[in-house]
Amino acid sequence: MRTSTSVRIDEEAKLIASEVLKQYGMSLSEGINLFCKQVAMTHSIPFELKVPSERMQKALEELEKREGKRFKSIKELREDLLS
């Protein structure tokens, strides 16, 4: 038996998730259903939850504010990462 539910999802996350799931031949609804089945089977979240490190939190904030560094090439990015 199936039931209907309504879920509020961040618009950008929904678009990206839909595209990823499409690559697996699934709709967003099927992906959410799969997630719920895994939670029900394992009685847990089917992935590791982590608190972002201080560095990751800073990067996420920069990304959200669109203040992060921009690079014209992979080479520039690599040089910055190694500096």
PDB file of N, CA and C in Angstrom:
ATOM      1  N   MET A   1       0.847  -1.180   0.000  1.00  0.00           N
ATOM      2  CA  MET A   1       0.000   0.000   0.000  1.00  0.00           C
ATOM      3  C   MET A   1       0.891   1.242   0.000  1.00  0.00           C
ATOM      4  N   ARG A   2       0.566   2.210  -0.779  1.00  0.00           N
ATOM      5  CA  ARG A   2       1.330   3.450  -0.871  1.00  0.00           C
ATOM      6  C   ARG A   2       0.539   4.586  -0.243  1.00  0.00           C
ATOM      7  N   THR A   3       1.284   5.584   0.224  1.00  0.00           N
ATOM      8  CA  THR A   3       0.673   6.776   0.784  1.00  0.00           C
ATOM      9  C   THR A   3       1.363   7.990   0.180  1.00  0.00           C
ATOM     10  N   SER A   4       0.722   9.106   0.251  1.00  0.00           N
ATOM     11  CA  SER A   4       1.283  10.341  -0.294  1.00  0.00           C
ATOM     12  C   SER A   4       1.740  11.218   0.858  1.00  0.00           C
ATOM     13  N   THR A   5       2.836  11.942   0.630  1.00  0.00           N
ATOM     14  CA  THR A   5       3.333  12.880   1.634  1.00  0.00           C
ATOM     15  C   THR A   5       3.899  14.101   0.925  1.00  0.00           C
ATOM     16  N   SER A   6       4.026  15.171   1.656  1.00  0.00           N
ATOM     17  CA  SER A   6       4.602  16.405   1.116  1.00  0.00           C
ATOM     18  C   SER A   6       5.903  16.675   1.860  1.00  0.00           C
ATOM     19  N   VAL A   7       6.942  17.027   1.109  1.00  0.00           N
ATOM     20  CA  VAL A   7       8.260  17.270   1.696  1.00  0.00           C
ATOM     21  C   VAL A   7       8.766  18.616   1.214  1.00  0.00           C
ATOM     22  N   ARG A   8       9.300  19.414   2.125  1.00  0.00           N
ATOM     23  CA  ARG A   8       9.899  20.689   1.746  1.00  0.00           C
ATOM     24  C   ARG A   8      11.396  20.463   1.557  1.00  0.00           C
ATOM     25  N   ILE A   9      11.892  20.808   0.379  1.00  0.00           N
ATOM     26  CA  ILE A   9      13.286  20.577   0.027  1.00  0.00           C
ATOM     27  C   ILE A   9      13.855  21.869  -0.545  1.00  0.00           C
ATOM     28  N   ASP A  10      15.087  22.167  -0.174  1.00  0.00           N
ATOM     29  CA  ASP A  10      15.790  23.310  -0.745  1.00  0.00           C
ATOM     30  C   ASP A  10      15.781  23.160  -2.272  1.00  0.00           C
ATOM     31  N   GLU A  11      15.438  24.221  -2.985  1.00  0.00           N
ATOM     32  CA  GLU A  11      15.275  24.162  -4.442  1.00  0.00           C
ATOM     33  C   GLU A  11      16.522  23.662  -5.165  1.00  0.00           C
ATOM     34  N   GLU A  12      17.678  24.193  -4.782  1.00  0.00           N
ATOM     35  CA  GLU A  12      18.918  23.785  -5.457  1.00  0.00           C
ATOM     36  C   GLU A  12      19.243  22.317  -5.167  1.00  0.00           C
ATOM     37  N   ALA A  13      19.054  21.893  -3.908  1.00  0.00           N
ATOM     38  CA  ALA A  13      19.302  20.496  -3.548  1.00  0.00           C
ATOM     39  C   ALA A  13      18.370  19.570  -4.333  1.00  0.00           C
ATOM     40  N   LYS A  14      17.136  19.995  -4.509  1.00  0.00           N
ATOM     41  CA  LYS A  14      16.163  19.196  -5.261  1.00  0.00           C
ATOM     42  C   LYS A  14      16.606  19.028  -6.713  1.00  0.00           C
ATOM     43  N   LEU A  15      17.035  20.113  -7.332  1.00  0.00           N
ATOM     44  CA  LEU A  15      17.467  20.047  -8.734  1.00  0.00           C
ATOM     45  C   LEU A  15      18.680  19.136  -8.899  1.00  0.00           C
ATOM     46  N   ILE A  16      19.659  19.304  -8.014  1.00  0.00           N
ATOM     47  CA  ILE A  16      20.871  18.482  -8.107  1.00  0.00           C
ATOM     48  C   ILE A  16      20.552  17.022  -7.822  1.00  0.00           C
ATOM     49  N   ALA A  17      19.789  16.772  -6.757  1.00  0.00           N
ATOM     50  CA  ALA A  17      19.422  15.389  -6.417  1.00  0.00           C
ATOM     51  C   ALA A  17      18.644  14.741  -7.554  1.00  0.00           C
ATOM     52  N   SER A  18      17.741  15.477  -8.163  1.00  0.00           N
ATOM     53  CA  SER A  18      16.954  14.931  -9.279  1.00  0.00           C
ATOM     54  C   SER A  18      17.857  14.509 -10.429  1.00  0.00           C
ATOM     55  N   GLU A  19      18.858  15.337 -10.735  1.00  0.00           N
ATOM     56  CA  GLU A  19      19.788  15.008 -11.826  1.00  0.00           C
ATOM     57  C   GLU A  19      20.638  13.785 -11.484  1.00  0.00           C
ATOM     58  N   VAL A  20      21.114  13.706 -10.256  1.00  0.00           N
ATOM     59  CA  VAL A  20      21.921  12.550  -9.838  1.00  0.00           C
ATOM     60  C   VAL A  20      21.080  11.277  -9.889  1.00  0.00           C
ATOM     61  N   LEU A  21      19.881  11.345  -9.339  1.00  0.00           N
ATOM     62  CA  LEU A  21      19.009  10.163  -9.329  1.00  0.00           C
ATOM     63  C   LEU A  21      18.631   9.737 -10.746  1.00  0.00           C
ATOM     64  N   LYS A  22      18.474  10.714 -11.644  1.00  0.00           N
ATOM     65  CA  LYS A  22      18.156  10.399 -13.039  1.00  0.00           C
ATOM     66  C   LYS A  22      19.251   9.525 -13.648  1.00  0.00           C
ATOM     67  N   GLN A  23      20.506   9.778 -13.251  1.00  0.00           N
ATOM     68  CA  GLN A  23      21.626   8.984 -13.756  1.00  0.00           C
ATOM     69  C   GLN A  23      21.533   7.523 -13.294  1.00  0.00           C
ATOM     70  N   TYR A  24      20.817   7.289 -12.203  1.00  0.00           N
ATOM     71  CA  TYR A  24      20.598   5.927 -11.705  1.00  0.00           C
ATOM     72  C   TYR A  24      19.256   5.366 -12.184  1.00  0.00           C
ATOM     73  N   GLY A  25      18.591   6.111 -13.037  1.00  0.00           N
ATOM     74  CA  GLY A  25      17.306   5.657 -13.562  1.00  0.00           C
ATOM     75  C   GLY A  25      16.164   5.809 -12.575  1.00  0.00           C
ATOM     76  N   MET A  26      16.312   6.736 -11.626  1.00  0.00           N
ATOM     77  CA  MET A  26      15.280   6.935 -10.600  1.00  0.00           C
ATOM     78  C   MET A  26      14.744   8.359 -10.630  1.00  0.00           C
ATOM     79  N   SER A  27      13.507   8.486 -10.222  1.00  0.00           N
ATOM     80  CA  SER A  27      12.918   9.813 -10.026  1.00  0.00           C
ATOM     81  C   SER A  27      13.244  10.274  -8.605  1.00  0.00           C
ATOM     82  N   LEU A  28      12.983  11.535  -8.327  1.00  0.00           N
ATOM     83  CA  LEU A  28      13.189  12.054  -6.981  1.00  0.00           C
ATOM     84  C   LEU A  28      12.306  11.294  -5.990  1.00  0.00           C
ATOM     85  N   SER A  29      11.080  11.024  -6.384  1.00  0.00           N
ATOM     86  CA  SER A  29      10.159  10.276  -5.525  1.00  0.00           C
ATOM     87  C   SER A  29      10.713   8.887  -5.200  1.00  0.00           C
ATOM     88  N   GLU A  30      11.265   8.214  -6.209  1.00  0.00           N
ATOM     89  CA  GLU A  30      11.853   6.885  -5.978  1.00  0.00           C
ATOM     90  C   GLU A  30      13.077   6.976  -5.069  1.00  0.00           C
ATOM     91  N   GLY A  31      13.878   8.026  -5.216  1.00  0.00           N
ATOM     92  CA  GLY A  31      15.046   8.216  -4.360  1.00  0.00           C
ATOM     93  C   GLY A  31      14.650   8.446  -2.907  1.00  0.00           C
ATOM     94  N   ILE A  32      13.638   9.270  -2.697  1.00  0.00           N
ATOM     95  CA  ILE A  32      13.149   9.515  -1.335  1.00  0.00           C
ATOM     96  C   ILE A  32      12.564   8.237  -0.759  1.00  0.00           C
ATOM     97  N   ASN A  33      11.853   7.478  -1.570  1.00  0.00           N
ATOM     98  CA  ASN A  33      11.285   6.206  -1.131  1.00  0.00           C
ATOM     99  C   ASN A  33      12.402   5.233  -0.731  1.00  0.00           C
ATOM    100  N   LEU A  34      13.466   5.188  -1.526  1.00  0.00           N
ATOM    101  CA  LEU A  34      14.610   4.332  -1.224  1.00  0.00           C
ATOM    102  C   LEU A  34      15.242   4.736   0.109  1.00  0.00           C
ATOM    103  N   PHE A  35      15.411   6.040   0.320  1.00  0.00           N
ATOM    104  CA  PHE A  35      15.954   6.540   1.572  1.00  0.00           C
ATOM    105  C   PHE A  35      15.095   6.079   2.753  1.00  0.00           C
ATOM    106  N   CYS A  36      13.783   6.261   2.637  1.00  0.00           N
ATOM    107  CA  CYS A  36      12.871   5.879   3.727  1.00  0.00           C
ATOM    108  C   CYS A  36      12.917   4.378   3.995  1.00  0.00           C
ATOM    109  N   LYS A  37      13.025   3.571   2.938  1.00  0.00           N
ATOM    110  CA  LYS A  37      13.111   2.116   3.119  1.00  0.00           C
ATOM    111  C   LYS A  37      14.388   1.739   3.864  1.00  0.00           C
ATOM    112  N   GLN A  38      15.495   2.416   3.550  1.00  0.00           N
ATOM    113  CA  GLN A  38      16.760   2.137   4.235  1.00  0.00           C
ATOM    114  C   GLN A  38      16.666   2.523   5.708  1.00  0.00           C
ATOM    115  N   VAL A  39      16.058   3.655   6.009  1.00  0.00           N
ATOM    116  CA  VAL A  39      15.876   4.068   7.399  1.00  0.00           C
ATOM    117  C   VAL A  39      15.030   3.024   8.131  1.00  0.00           C
ATOM    118  N   ALA A  40      13.955   2.570   7.498  1.00  0.00           N
ATOM    119  CA  ALA A  40      13.079   1.576   8.124  1.00  0.00           C
ATOM    120  C   ALA A  40      13.793   0.239   8.336  1.00  0.00           C
ATOM    121  N   MET A  41      14.594  -0.191   7.359  1.00  0.00           N
ATOM    122  CA  MET A  41      15.299  -1.470   7.472  1.00  0.00           C
ATOM    123  C   MET A  41      16.388  -1.449   8.539  1.00  0.00           C
ATOM    124  N   THR A  42      17.138  -0.357   8.611  1.00  0.00           N
ATOM    125  CA  THR A  42      18.307  -0.307   9.484  1.00  0.00           C
ATOM    126  C   THR A  42      18.052   0.418  10.805  1.00  0.00           C
ATOM    127  N   HIS A  43      16.919   1.096  10.895  1.00  0.00           N
ATOM    128  CA  HIS A  43      16.595   1.912  12.071  1.00  0.00           C
ATOM    129  C   HIS A  43      17.704   2.936  12.331  1.00  0.00           C
ATOM    130  N   SER A  44      18.263   3.448  11.244  1.00  0.00           N
ATOM    131  CA  SER A  44      19.317   4.456  11.337  1.00  0.00           C
ATOM    132  C   SER A  44      19.362   5.257  10.044  1.00  0.00           C
ATOM    133  N   ILE A  45      20.122   6.330  10.062  1.00  0.00           N
ATOM    134  CA  ILE A  45      20.347   7.129   8.860  1.00  0.00           C
ATOM    135  C   ILE A  45      21.344   6.352   7.995  1.00  0.00           C
ATOM    136  N   PRO A  46      21.077   6.167   6.701  1.00  0.00           N
ATOM    137  CA  PRO A  46      21.934   5.315   5.864  1.00  0.00           C
ATOM    138  C   PRO A  46      23.226   5.976   5.372  1.00  0.00           C
ATOM    139  N   PHE A  47      23.721   6.943   6.104  1.00  0.00           N
ATOM    140  CA  PHE A  47      25.004   7.566   5.793  1.00  0.00           C
ATOM    141  C   PHE A  47      25.515   8.200   7.073  1.00  0.00           C
ATOM    142  N   GLU A  48      26.821   8.478   7.094  1.00  0.00           N
ATOM    143  CA  GLU A  48      27.440   9.062   8.278  1.00  0.00           C
ATOM    144  C   GLU A  48      27.117  10.550   8.364  1.00  0.00           C
ATOM    145  N   LEU A  49      26.690  10.993   9.531  1.00  0.00           N
ATOM    146  CA  LEU A  49      26.439  12.408   9.766  1.00  0.00           C
ATOM    147  C   LEU A  49      27.647  12.981  10.499  1.00  0.00           C
ATOM    148  N   LYS A  50      28.143  14.106  10.003  1.00  0.00           N
ATOM    149  CA  LYS A  50      29.311  14.738  10.602  1.00  0.00           C
ATOM    150  C   LYS A  50      29.044  16.215  10.818  1.00  0.00           C
ATOM    151  N   VAL A  51      29.616  16.739  11.868  1.00  0.00           N
ATOM    152  CA  VAL A  51      29.605  18.184  12.078  1.00  0.00           C
ATOM    153  C   VAL A  51      30.752  18.734  11.237  1.00  0.00           C
ATOM    154  N   PRO A  52      30.493  19.733  10.397  1.00  0.00           N
ATOM    155  CA  PRO A  52      31.561  20.268   9.557  1.00  0.00           C
ATOM    156  C   PRO A  52      32.722  20.815  10.398  1.00  0.00           C
ATOM    157  N   SER A  53      33.937  20.568   9.936  1.00  0.00           N
ATOM    158  CA  SER A  53      35.115  21.125  10.602  1.00  0.00           C
ATOM    159  C   SER A  53      35.058  22.642  10.489  1.00  0.00           C
ATOM    160  N   GLU A  54      35.892  23.313  11.270  1.00  0.00           N
ATOM    161  CA  GLU A  54      35.930  24.776  11.220  1.00  0.00           C
ATOM    162  C   GLU A  54      36.275  25.256   9.814  1.00  0.00           C
ATOM    163  N   ARG A  55      37.212  24.568   9.171  1.00  0.00           N
ATOM    164  CA  ARG A  55      37.626  24.937   7.809  1.00  0.00           C
ATOM    165  C   ARG A  55      36.469  24.740   6.818  1.00  0.00           C
ATOM    166  N   MET A  56      35.775  23.614   6.971  1.00  0.00           N
ATOM    167  CA  MET A  56      34.649  23.331   6.070  1.00  0.00           C
ATOM    168  C   MET A  56      33.525  24.331   6.309  1.00  0.00           C
ATOM    169  N   GLN A  57      33.244  24.665   7.572  1.00  0.00           N
ATOM    170  CA  GLN A  57      32.191  25.627   7.881  1.00  0.00           C
ATOM    171  C   GLN A  57      32.503  26.975   7.242  1.00  0.00           C
ATOM    172  N   LYS A  58      33.777  27.396   7.316  1.00  0.00           N
ATOM    173  CA  LYS A  58      34.180  28.665   6.696  1.00  0.00           C
ATOM    174  C   LYS A  58      33.971  28.608   5.185  1.00  0.00           C
ATOM    175  N   ALA A  59      34.342  27.490   4.578  1.00  0.00           N
ATOM    176  CA  ALA A  59      34.176  27.332   3.132  1.00  0.00           C
ATOM    177  C   ALA A  59      32.702  27.363   2.752  1.00  0.00           C
ATOM    178  N   LEU A  60      31.853  26.724   3.543  1.00  0.00           N
ATOM    179  CA  LEU A  60      30.415  26.724   3.262  1.00  0.00           C
ATOM    180  C   LEU A  60      29.832  28.134   3.366  1.00  0.00           C
ATOM    181  N   GLU A  61      30.290  28.879   4.368  1.00  0.00           N
ATOM    182  CA  GLU A  61      29.811  30.261   4.528  1.00  0.00           C
ATOM    183  C   GLU A  61      30.258  31.128   3.356  1.00  0.00           C
ATOM    184  N   GLU A  62      31.515  30.953   2.916  1.00  0.00           N
ATOM    185  CA  GLU A  62      32.014  31.706   1.753  1.00  0.00           C
ATOM    186  C   GLU A  62      31.203  31.372   0.513  1.00  0.00           C
ATOM    187  N   LEU A  63      30.909  30.093   0.352  1.00  0.00           N
ATOM    188  CA  LEU A  63      30.132  29.650  -0.803  1.00  0.00           C
ATOM    189  C   LEU A  63      28.742  30.272  -0.786  1.00  0.00           C
ATOM    190  N   GLU A  64      28.115  30.250   0.374  1.00  0.00           N
ATOM    191  CA  GLU A  64      26.771  30.802   0.496  1.00  0.00           C
ATOM    192  C   GLU A  64      26.753  32.297   0.202  1.00  0.00           C
ATOM    193  N   LYS A  65      27.787  32.997   0.644  1.00  0.00           N
ATOM    194  CA  LYS A  65      27.882  34.451   0.421  1.00  0.00           C
ATOM    195  C   LYS A  65      28.498  34.777  -0.939  1.00  0.00           C
ATOM    196  N   ARG A  66      28.908  33.740  -1.647  1.00  0.00           N
ATOM    197  CA  ARG A  66      29.584  33.891  -2.932  1.00  0.00           C
ATOM    198  C   ARG A  66      30.853  34.731  -2.799  1.00  0.00           C
ATOM    199  N   GLU A  67      31.589  34.510  -1.692  1.00  0.00           N
ATOM    200  CA  GLU A  67      32.816  35.249  -1.430  1.00  0.00           C
ATOM    201  C   GLU A  67      34.058  34.387  -1.633  1.00  0.00           C
ATOM    202  N   GLY A  68      33.890  33.160  -2.038  1.00  0.00           N
ATOM    203  CA  GLY A  68      35.021  32.252  -2.183  1.00  0.00           C
ATOM    204  C   GLY A  68      35.946  32.641  -3.317  1.00  0.00           C
ATOM    205  N   LYS A  69      37.117  32.032  -3.310  1.00  0.00           N
ATOM    206  CA  LYS A  69      38.084  32.284  -4.377  1.00  0.00           C
ATOM    207  C   LYS A  69      37.579  31.688  -5.681  1.00  0.00           C
ATOM    208  N   ARG A  70      37.988  32.291  -6.780  1.00  0.00           N
ATOM    209  CA  ARG A  70      37.647  31.788  -8.111  1.00  0.00           C
ATOM    210  C   ARG A  70      38.941  31.500  -8.849  1.00  0.00           C
ATOM    211  N   PHE A  71      38.917  30.461  -9.636  1.00  0.00           N
ATOM    212  CA  PHE A  71      40.101  30.060 -10.382  1.00  0.00           C
ATOM    213  C   PHE A  71      39.742  29.887 -11.845  1.00  0.00           C
ATOM    214  N   LYS A  72      40.679  30.247 -12.715  1.00  0.00           N
ATOM    215  CA  LYS A  72      40.449  30.145 -14.155  1.00  0.00           C
ATOM    216  C   LYS A  72      40.824  28.774 -14.691  1.00  0.00           C
ATOM    217  N   SER A  73      41.560  28.008 -13.887  1.00  0.00           N
ATOM    218  CA  SER A  73      41.976  26.686 -14.357  1.00  0.00           C
ATOM    219  C   SER A  73      42.222  25.756 -13.171  1.00  0.00           C
ATOM    220  N   ILE A  74      42.279  24.474 -13.465  1.00  0.00           N
ATOM    221  CA  ILE A  74      42.609  23.471 -12.455  1.00  0.00           C
ATOM    222  C   ILE A  74      44.012  23.737 -11.917  1.00  0.00           C
ATOM    223  N   LYS A  75      44.906  24.165 -12.807  1.00  0.00           N
ATOM    224  CA  LYS A  75      46.287  24.455 -12.401  1.00  0.00           C
ATOM    225  C   LYS A  75      46.314  25.533 -11.313  1.00  0.00           C
ATOM    226  N   GLU A  76      45.551  26.616 -11.508  1.00  0.00           N
ATOM    227  CA  GLU A  76      45.491  27.687 -10.511  1.00  0.00           C
ATOM    228  C   GLU A  76      44.936  27.165  -9.190  1.00  0.00           C
ATOM    229  N   LEU A  77      43.893  26.353  -9.267  1.00  0.00           N
ATOM    230  CA  LEU A  77      43.300  25.776  -8.066  1.00  0.00           C
ATOM    231  C   LEU A  77      44.326  24.901  -7.333  1.00  0.00           C
ATOM    232  N   ARG A  78      45.003  24.056  -8.069  1.00  0.00           N
ATOM    233  CA  ARG A  78      45.997  23.166  -7.475  1.00  0.00           C
ATOM    234  C   ARG A  78      47.115  23.963  -6.804  1.00  0.00           C
ATOM    235  N   GLU A  79      47.579  25.011  -7.474  1.00  0.00           N
ATOM    236  CA  GLU A  79      48.637  25.843  -6.902  1.00  0.00           C
ATOM    237  C   GLU A  79      48.186  26.490  -5.595  1.00  0.00           C
ATOM    238  N   ASP A  80      46.932  26.939  -5.557  1.00  0.00           N
ATOM    239  CA  ASP A  80      46.402  27.553  -4.347  1.00  0.00           C
ATOM    240  C   ASP A  80      46.289  26.516  -3.233  1.00  0.00           C
ATOM    241  N   LEU A  81      45.828  25.322  -3.554  1.00  0.00           N
ATOM    242  CA  LEU A  81      45.676  24.274  -2.548  1.00  0.00           C
ATOM    243  C   LEU A  81      47.017  23.854  -1.967  1.00  0.00           C
ATOM    244  N   LEU A  82      48.052  23.870  -2.781  1.00  0.00           N
ATOM    245  CA  LEU A  82      49.376  23.443  -2.336  1.00  0.00           C
ATOM    246  C   LEU A  82      50.181  24.546  -1.648  1.00  0.00           C
ATOM    247  N   SER A  83      49.668  25.759  -1.716  1.00  0.00           N
ATOM    248  CA  SER A  83      50.405  26.886  -1.095  1.00  0.00           C
ATOM    249  C   SER A  83      50.123  27.000   0.386  1.00  0.00           C
TER     250      SER A  83
END
